[in-house]
Amino acid sequence: MSSSNLKSLLQEYSLRREKAIDDANNRKESLYKANPKLDEIDVALSKEAIRISKLLLASNDPSLLDDLNKKVDELKKQKADILKSLNVSEDFFKPDFSCKICNDTGYITENGSTHMCNCLKQRLFDIEFNKSNISNLKNDNFENFDLHYYSDEVDEGKYKTKLSPRKNIEKIKDICMHFIDNFDNPDEKNLLFTGNTGLGKSFLSSCIANELLKNGKTVLYQTAPVMLDSIIDFRFGKSISNSSNQNICDNILNVDLLIIDDLGTESMNSVKFAELFNIINSRLLNSGKVTKTIISTNLSLQNLFATYDERIVSRIVGNYNICYFFGDDIRFKKR
């Protein structure tokens, strides 16, 4: 990742964290100004805490300590009663951090080890890799997923199925929701979206990304041509000055959800075949964490077999739920 991007984001995080703390302090100051008794109780609690500390150092008489603890409990009850009468919870005094996991620091310490929080990871992904690919997540969500763009008429001769486009997309939506709900289950299959352009494949991918981002997962969205070209550039030393490309290989293999869009539009060669197989296979075999992949393509399953190495397609057929999109181009219906 770019050190300048990371530095810029950490400055942003620091300012955001400071603002959240300042806002919390201002809320408390305003409340205490309107209710001076709260400030008096806090001062008294501080004094009692000091007295307890001194007593613990100077005396072994537990009865004296009991008396002080009773006073503390009484003061806490007075404070709780006042806050209840004002309809104020303890959360009122806490800073409202954007990320409740890292408290807007960007890092988490667990079991003596510090690592980057997913919120910061995702911001770096968005800047360095995703760019405009998933920039419209506010609108690309299931709330805006309108089934009425899909016909409810069955055309078995045209689509080779007794399902209408609408029933089919409802079925695909159910598969997507199950995928989201069971994302952390290693046995949950990946997703292959196949069908003509303009049928909602990319939109549904973004809907899934949206939900998983809300759940704290990291998402990397790449078109197949850009992804493979970036990897090849890195492998052959063409991206020495581009630190984002230097990390793309590791990120592609380890991000929680990888979305590969437009598979089949890239110019393939033996090196790219090998890289694509490595990506698909490695993400299936990841140990220690669950990683999932969504592949979107205009190619039919038959055309995938004709275009790609059998090892690649066999991995997809065996480990992906294949969702076939059909119907009329909904982009024309939205005009």
Protein backbone atom coordinates (compact mmCIF):
# COMPACT_ATOMS: atom_id res chain seq x y z
CA MET A 1 0.00 0.00 0.00
CA SER A 2 1.07 3.57 -0.55
CA SER A 3 2.71 5.05 2.54
CA SER A 4 1.39 8.49 1.56
CA ASN A 5 -2.18 7.15 1.37
CA LEU A 6 -1.80 5.46 4.75
CA LYS A 7 -0.31 8.58 6.31
CA SER A 8 -3.11 10.73 4.92
CA LEU A 9 -5.79 8.34 6.19
CA LEU A 10 -4.22 8.12 9.66
CA GLN A 11 -4.27 11.92 9.87
CA GLU A 12 -7.93 11.84 8.88
CA TYR A 13 -8.61 9.17 11.52
CA SER A 14 -6.79 11.20 14.17
CA LEU A 15 -8.85 14.31 13.42
CA ARG A 16 -12.06 12.29 13.40
CA ARG A 17 -11.20 10.66 16.72
CA GLU A 18 -10.33 14.01 18.31
CA LYS A 19 -13.62 15.47 17.10
CA ALA A 20 -15.61 12.56 18.55
CA ILE A 21 -13.87 13.02 21.92
CA ASP A 22 -14.37 16.81 21.85
CA ASP A 23 -18.05 16.38 20.99
CA ALA A 24 -18.48 13.97 23.90
CA ASN A 25 -16.77 16.40 26.28
CA ASN A 26 -18.94 19.26 25.03
CA ARG A 27 -22.11 17.20 25.55
CA LYS A 28 -21.04 16.42 29.09
CA GLU A 29 -20.11 20.04 29.80
CA SER A 30 -23.50 21.29 28.57
CA LEU A 31 -25.37 18.69 30.61
CA TYR A 32 -23.39 19.41 33.77
CA LYS A 33 -23.84 23.16 33.32
CA ALA A 34 -27.60 22.69 33.23
CA ASN A 35 -27.45 20.19 36.13
CA PRO A 36 -24.70 21.28 38.59
CA LYS A 37 -25.56 18.45 41.00
CA LEU A 38 -23.97 16.00 38.58
CA ASP A 39 -20.66 17.83 38.80
CA GLU A 40 -20.86 17.87 42.60
CA ILE A 41 -21.41 14.11 42.64
CA ASP A 42 -18.46 13.49 40.33
CA VAL A 43 -16.20 15.61 42.57
CA ALA A 44 -17.41 13.69 45.61
CA LEU A 45 -16.81 10.36 43.86
CA SER A 46 -13.25 11.40 43.03
CA LYS A 47 -12.60 12.35 46.66
CA GLU A 48 -14.00 9.04 47.91
CA ALA A 49 -11.82 7.14 45.41
CA ILE A 50 -8.73 8.91 46.76
CA ARG A 51 -9.77 8.17 50.34
CA ILE A 52 -10.27 4.47 49.52
CA SER A 53 -6.81 4.29 47.91
CA LYS A 54 -5.18 5.88 50.95
CA LEU A 55 -7.08 3.62 53.33
CA LEU A 56 -6.01 0.51 51.45
CA LEU A 57 -2.39 1.58 51.92
CA ALA A 58 -2.68 2.62 55.58
CA SER A 59 -5.18 0.28 57.20
CA ASN A 60 -6.29 -3.33 57.18
CA ASP A 61 -9.66 -2.58 58.81
CA PRO A 62 -12.27 -3.88 56.32
CA SER A 63 -15.15 -2.15 58.16
CA LEU A 64 -13.73 1.29 57.30
CA LEU A 65 -13.49 0.27 53.68
CA ASP A 66 -17.09 -0.98 53.73
CA ASP A 67 -18.30 2.41 54.95
CA LEU A 68 -16.51 4.21 52.12
CA ASN A 69 -17.85 1.79 49.52
CA LYS A 70 -21.37 2.40 50.78
CA LYS A 71 -20.88 6.14 50.33
CA VAL A 72 -19.62 5.55 46.79
CA ASP A 73 -22.60 3.35 45.96
CA GLU A 74 -24.94 5.99 47.36
CA LEU A 75 -23.35 8.72 45.24
CA LYS A 76 -23.54 6.52 42.12
CA LYS A 77 -27.21 5.87 42.77
CA GLN A 78 -27.88 9.61 43.12
CA LYS A 79 -26.16 10.20 39.79
CA ALA A 80 -28.04 7.35 38.10
CA ASP A 81 -31.37 8.72 39.39
CA ILE A 82 -30.62 12.18 38.01
CA LEU A 83 -29.58 10.79 34.61
CA LYS A 84 -32.71 8.63 34.51
CA SER A 85 -34.91 11.63 35.25
CA LEU A 86 -33.20 13.45 32.36
CA ASN A 87 -33.60 10.39 30.10
CA VAL A 88 -29.82 10.25 29.61
CA SER A 89 -27.93 6.95 29.27
CA GLU A 90 -24.26 6.32 30.02
CA ASP A 91 -23.65 6.12 26.25
CA PHE A 92 -24.40 9.85 26.13
CA PHE A 93 -20.96 10.50 27.61
CA LYS A 94 -19.06 8.17 25.29
CA PRO A 95 -17.40 9.46 22.09
CA ASP A 96 -19.36 8.46 19.00
CA PHE A 97 -16.55 6.88 17.01
CA SER A 98 -17.25 5.96 13.38
CA CYS A 99 -15.68 2.54 13.91
CA LYS A 100 -16.70 0.91 17.17
CA ILE A 101 -14.03 -1.76 16.75
CA CYS A 102 -10.87 0.37 16.63
CA ASN A 103 -12.41 3.58 18.04
CA ASP A 104 -11.11 5.45 14.99
CA THR A 105 -7.47 4.61 15.63
CA GLY A 106 -7.24 2.34 12.57
CA TYR A 107 -5.59 -0.44 14.57
CA ILE A 108 -6.64 -3.20 16.98
CA THR A 109 -4.54 -4.89 19.66
CA GLU A 110 -5.50 -8.48 20.44
CA ASN A 111 -3.53 -11.02 22.46
CA GLY A 112 -0.52 -8.73 22.52
CA SER A 113 -0.52 -8.30 18.73
CA THR A 114 -1.49 -5.12 16.88
CA HIS A 115 -2.99 -5.25 13.40
CA MET A 116 -4.82 -2.96 11.01
CA CYS A 117 -8.57 -2.66 11.49
CA ASN A 118 -10.75 -3.72 8.56
CA CYS A 119 -12.20 -0.19 8.33
CA LEU A 120 -8.75 1.25 7.53
CA LYS A 121 -7.93 -1.68 5.24
CA GLN A 122 -11.11 -1.04 3.28
CA ARG A 123 -10.39 2.68 2.92
CA LEU A 124 -6.98 1.80 1.47
CA PHE A 125 -8.58 -0.74 -0.90
CA ASP A 126 -11.07 1.88 -2.05
CA ILE A 127 -8.35 4.43 -2.75
CA GLU A 128 -5.75 2.16 -4.31
CA PHE A 129 -7.76 -0.55 -6.05
CA ASN A 130 -11.52 -0.13 -6.06
CA LYS A 131 -11.50 3.50 -7.20
CA SER A 132 -14.85 4.17 -8.88
CA ASN A 133 -15.86 0.51 -9.10
CA ILE A 134 -17.89 0.51 -5.89
CA SER A 135 -18.25 4.24 -5.36
CA ASN A 136 -22.04 4.13 -5.70
CA LEU A 137 -22.71 1.79 -2.79
CA LYS A 138 -25.22 4.20 -1.25
CA ASN A 139 -27.55 3.50 -4.16
CA ASP A 140 -26.44 -0.03 -5.04
CA ASN A 141 -28.25 -1.82 -2.25
CA PHE A 142 -31.08 -4.30 -1.83
CA GLU A 143 -33.50 -1.52 -0.86
CA ASN A 144 -33.16 -0.18 -4.41
CA PHE A 145 -33.34 -3.60 -6.04
CA ASP A 146 -36.57 -3.43 -8.07
CA LEU A 147 -37.91 -6.79 -9.26
CA HIS A 148 -40.42 -5.08 -11.54
CA TYR A 149 -37.70 -4.45 -14.12
CA TYR A 150 -37.80 -8.19 -14.76
CA SER A 151 -40.64 -9.70 -16.79
CA ASP A 152 -42.98 -12.19 -15.15
CA GLU A 153 -43.69 -13.89 -18.50
CA VAL A 154 -42.36 -17.39 -19.11
CA ASP A 155 -40.62 -17.89 -22.48
CA GLU A 156 -39.32 -21.45 -22.42
CA GLY A 157 -38.32 -21.32 -26.08
CA LYS A 158 -36.15 -18.25 -25.58
CA TYR A 159 -34.67 -18.90 -22.14
CA LYS A 160 -34.77 -22.74 -22.04
CA THR A 161 -36.46 -22.70 -18.63
CA LYS A 162 -39.96 -22.67 -17.17
CA LEU A 163 -38.98 -19.80 -14.87
CA SER A 164 -39.86 -16.21 -15.75
CA PRO A 165 -37.01 -13.64 -15.53
CA ARG A 166 -38.65 -12.26 -12.39
CA LYS A 167 -38.92 -15.64 -10.65
CA ASN A 168 -35.35 -16.35 -11.65
CA ILE A 169 -34.00 -13.09 -10.23
CA GLU A 170 -35.98 -13.68 -7.02
CA LYS A 171 -34.26 -17.05 -6.74
CA ILE A 172 -30.86 -15.43 -7.35
CA LYS A 173 -31.58 -12.79 -4.74
CA ASP A 174 -32.35 -15.53 -2.20
CA ILE A 175 -29.02 -17.17 -3.04
CA CYS A 176 -27.28 -13.82 -2.50
CA MET A 177 -28.95 -13.28 0.88
CA HIS A 178 -27.98 -16.79 1.96
CA PHE A 179 -24.41 -16.06 0.84
CA ILE A 180 -24.32 -12.92 3.01
CA ASP A 181 -25.90 -14.58 6.06
CA ASN A 182 -23.52 -17.55 5.86
CA PHE A 183 -20.40 -15.74 4.69
CA ASP A 184 -18.26 -17.03 7.57
CA ASN A 185 -19.26 -20.64 6.93
CA PRO A 186 -16.38 -22.37 5.10
CA ASP A 187 -18.91 -24.64 3.38
CA GLU A 188 -20.85 -21.74 1.83
CA LYS A 189 -20.09 -21.69 -1.87
CA ASN A 190 -18.78 -18.74 -3.87
CA LEU A 191 -20.92 -17.10 -6.56
CA LEU A 192 -20.69 -17.08 -10.35
CA PHE A 193 -22.97 -14.56 -12.07
CA THR A 194 -23.37 -15.37 -15.76
CA GLY A 195 -25.60 -13.83 -18.42
CA ASN A 196 -25.88 -10.99 -20.90
CA THR A 197 -25.08 -7.37 -20.06
CA GLY A 198 -27.67 -5.15 -18.43
CA LEU A 199 -29.30 -7.81 -16.26
CA GLY A 200 -28.07 -6.68 -12.85
CA LYS A 201 -24.96 -8.80 -12.28
CA SER A 202 -22.72 -5.90 -11.27
CA PHE A 203 -25.54 -4.27 -9.33
CA LEU A 204 -26.13 -7.41 -7.26
CA SER A 205 -22.39 -7.74 -6.66
CA SER A 206 -22.40 -4.22 -5.24
CA CYS A 207 -25.48 -4.99 -3.12
CA ILE A 208 -23.62 -7.92 -1.56
CA ALA A 209 -20.50 -5.79 -1.08
CA ASN A 210 -22.61 -3.14 0.62
CA GLU A 211 -24.02 -5.60 3.16
CA LEU A 212 -20.68 -7.23 3.90
CA LEU A 213 -18.99 -3.86 4.41
CA LYS A 214 -21.65 -3.12 7.03
CA ASN A 215 -20.60 -6.38 8.71
CA GLY A 216 -16.98 -5.25 8.88
CA LYS A 217 -15.72 -7.37 5.99
CA THR A 218 -13.16 -6.12 3.48
CA VAL A 219 -14.10 -6.02 -0.20
CA LEU A 220 -11.83 -5.75 -3.23
CA TYR A 221 -13.57 -5.08 -6.55
CA GLN A 222 -11.59 -5.53 -9.76
CA THR A 223 -12.40 -6.08 -13.41
CA ALA A 224 -10.64 -9.16 -14.76
CA PRO A 225 -8.54 -7.20 -17.31
CA VAL A 226 -7.28 -4.64 -14.77
CA MET A 227 -6.66 -7.25 -12.09
CA LEU A 228 -4.64 -9.58 -14.32
CA ASP A 229 -2.71 -6.74 -15.98
CA SER A 230 -1.78 -5.33 -12.56
CA ILE A 231 -0.54 -8.71 -11.38
CA ILE A 232 1.48 -9.30 -14.55
CA ASP A 233 3.00 -5.80 -14.33
CA PHE A 234 4.09 -6.57 -10.79
CA ARG A 235 5.41 -10.04 -11.62
CA PHE A 236 7.57 -8.65 -14.44
CA GLY A 237 8.79 -5.63 -12.50
CA LYS A 238 6.83 -3.03 -14.44
CA SER A 239 5.29 -1.49 -11.31
CA ILE A 240 8.31 -0.87 -9.08
CA SER A 241 7.26 2.73 -8.56
CA ASN A 242 3.62 1.80 -8.03
CA SER A 243 3.37 0.55 -4.46
CA SER A 244 -0.33 -0.23 -4.81
CA ASN A 245 0.44 -2.84 -7.47
CA GLN A 246 3.13 -4.33 -5.23
CA ASN A 247 0.45 -5.23 -2.70
CA ILE A 248 -2.29 -6.27 -5.06
CA CYS A 249 -1.22 -9.92 -5.20
CA ASP A 250 -1.38 -10.40 -1.44
CA ASN A 251 -4.59 -8.39 -1.12
CA ILE A 252 -6.34 -10.29 -3.91
CA LEU A 253 -5.54 -13.59 -2.22
CA ASN A 254 -6.49 -12.53 1.32
CA VAL A 255 -9.30 -9.95 1.15
CA ASP A 256 -12.54 -11.24 2.69
CA LEU A 257 -14.59 -10.79 -0.50
CA LEU A 258 -13.02 -10.53 -3.94
CA ILE A 259 -15.33 -9.45 -6.76
CA ILE A 260 -13.98 -10.21 -10.24
CA ASP A 261 -16.11 -8.40 -12.80
CA ASP A 262 -16.17 -8.79 -16.58
CA LEU A 263 -14.37 -12.12 -16.71
CA GLY A 264 -13.95 -12.97 -20.37
CA THR A 265 -13.16 -9.45 -21.58
CA GLU A 266 -9.43 -9.76 -20.88
CA SER A 267 -6.86 -10.82 -23.46
CA MET A 268 -5.61 -14.15 -22.20
CA ASN A 269 -2.27 -15.91 -22.47
CA SER A 270 -0.62 -18.76 -20.61
CA VAL A 271 0.77 -16.48 -17.90
CA LYS A 272 -2.65 -14.95 -17.20
CA PHE A 273 -4.25 -18.40 -17.20
CA ALA A 274 -1.78 -19.43 -14.51
CA GLU A 275 -2.43 -16.28 -12.44
CA LEU A 276 -6.21 -16.65 -12.70
CA PHE A 277 -6.01 -20.28 -11.60
CA ASN A 278 -3.75 -19.32 -8.71
CA ILE A 279 -6.23 -16.67 -7.52
CA ILE A 280 -9.27 -18.95 -7.70
CA ASN A 281 -7.50 -21.96 -6.23
CA SER A 282 -5.61 -20.12 -3.46
CA ARG A 283 -8.76 -18.38 -2.22
CA LEU A 284 -10.50 -21.75 -2.02
CA LEU A 285 -7.61 -23.20 0.00
CA ASN A 286 -6.98 -20.25 2.34
CA SER A 287 -6.24 -21.52 5.83
CA GLY A 288 -6.96 -19.59 8.99
CA LYS A 289 -9.67 -17.39 7.48
CA VAL A 290 -12.70 -17.64 5.24
CA THR A 291 -12.38 -15.86 1.90
CA LYS A 292 -15.15 -15.74 -0.69
CA THR A 293 -15.22 -14.75 -4.35
CA ILE A 294 -17.88 -13.46 -6.73
CA ILE A 295 -17.14 -13.80 -10.45
CA SER A 296 -19.30 -11.96 -12.98
CA THR A 297 -19.15 -12.79 -16.68
CA ASN A 298 -21.12 -12.40 -19.91
CA LEU A 299 -19.90 -15.83 -20.98
CA SER A 300 -22.10 -18.88 -20.69
CA LEU A 301 -20.82 -21.93 -18.85
CA GLN A 302 -20.22 -23.60 -22.21
CA ASN A 303 -18.17 -20.62 -23.39
CA LEU A 304 -16.17 -20.63 -20.15
CA PHE A 305 -15.12 -24.21 -20.87
CA ALA A 306 -14.18 -23.18 -24.42
CA THR A 307 -12.19 -20.14 -23.25
CA TYR A 308 -10.38 -21.18 -20.09
CA ASP A 309 -8.20 -24.00 -18.86
CA GLU A 310 -10.27 -26.95 -17.63
CA ARG A 311 -8.66 -26.64 -14.17
CA ILE A 312 -10.08 -23.12 -13.81
CA VAL A 313 -13.62 -23.99 -14.86
CA SER A 314 -13.68 -27.21 -12.82
CA ARG A 315 -12.80 -25.20 -9.69
CA ILE A 316 -15.67 -22.83 -10.47
CA VAL A 317 -18.21 -25.57 -11.22
CA GLY A 318 -17.33 -27.47 -8.05
CA ASN A 319 -17.11 -24.56 -5.61
CA TYR A 320 -19.44 -21.83 -6.92
CA ASN A 321 -23.21 -21.44 -6.97
CA ILE A 322 -23.88 -20.67 -10.63
CA CYS A 323 -26.51 -17.95 -11.09
CA TYR A 324 -27.77 -17.57 -14.66
CA PHE A 325 -29.23 -14.12 -15.40
CA PHE A 326 -31.67 -13.77 -18.29
CA GLY A 327 -34.32 -11.37 -19.52
CA ASP A 328 -34.41 -7.95 -21.20
CA ASP A 329 -31.70 -5.34 -20.67
CA ILE A 330 -33.05 -3.42 -17.66
CA ARG A 331 -30.90 -0.36 -18.48
CA PHE A 332 -33.29 0.47 -21.32
CA LYS A 333 -36.28 0.10 -19.01
CA LYS A 334 -34.82 2.63 -16.58
CA ARG A 335 -34.58 5.36 -19.21
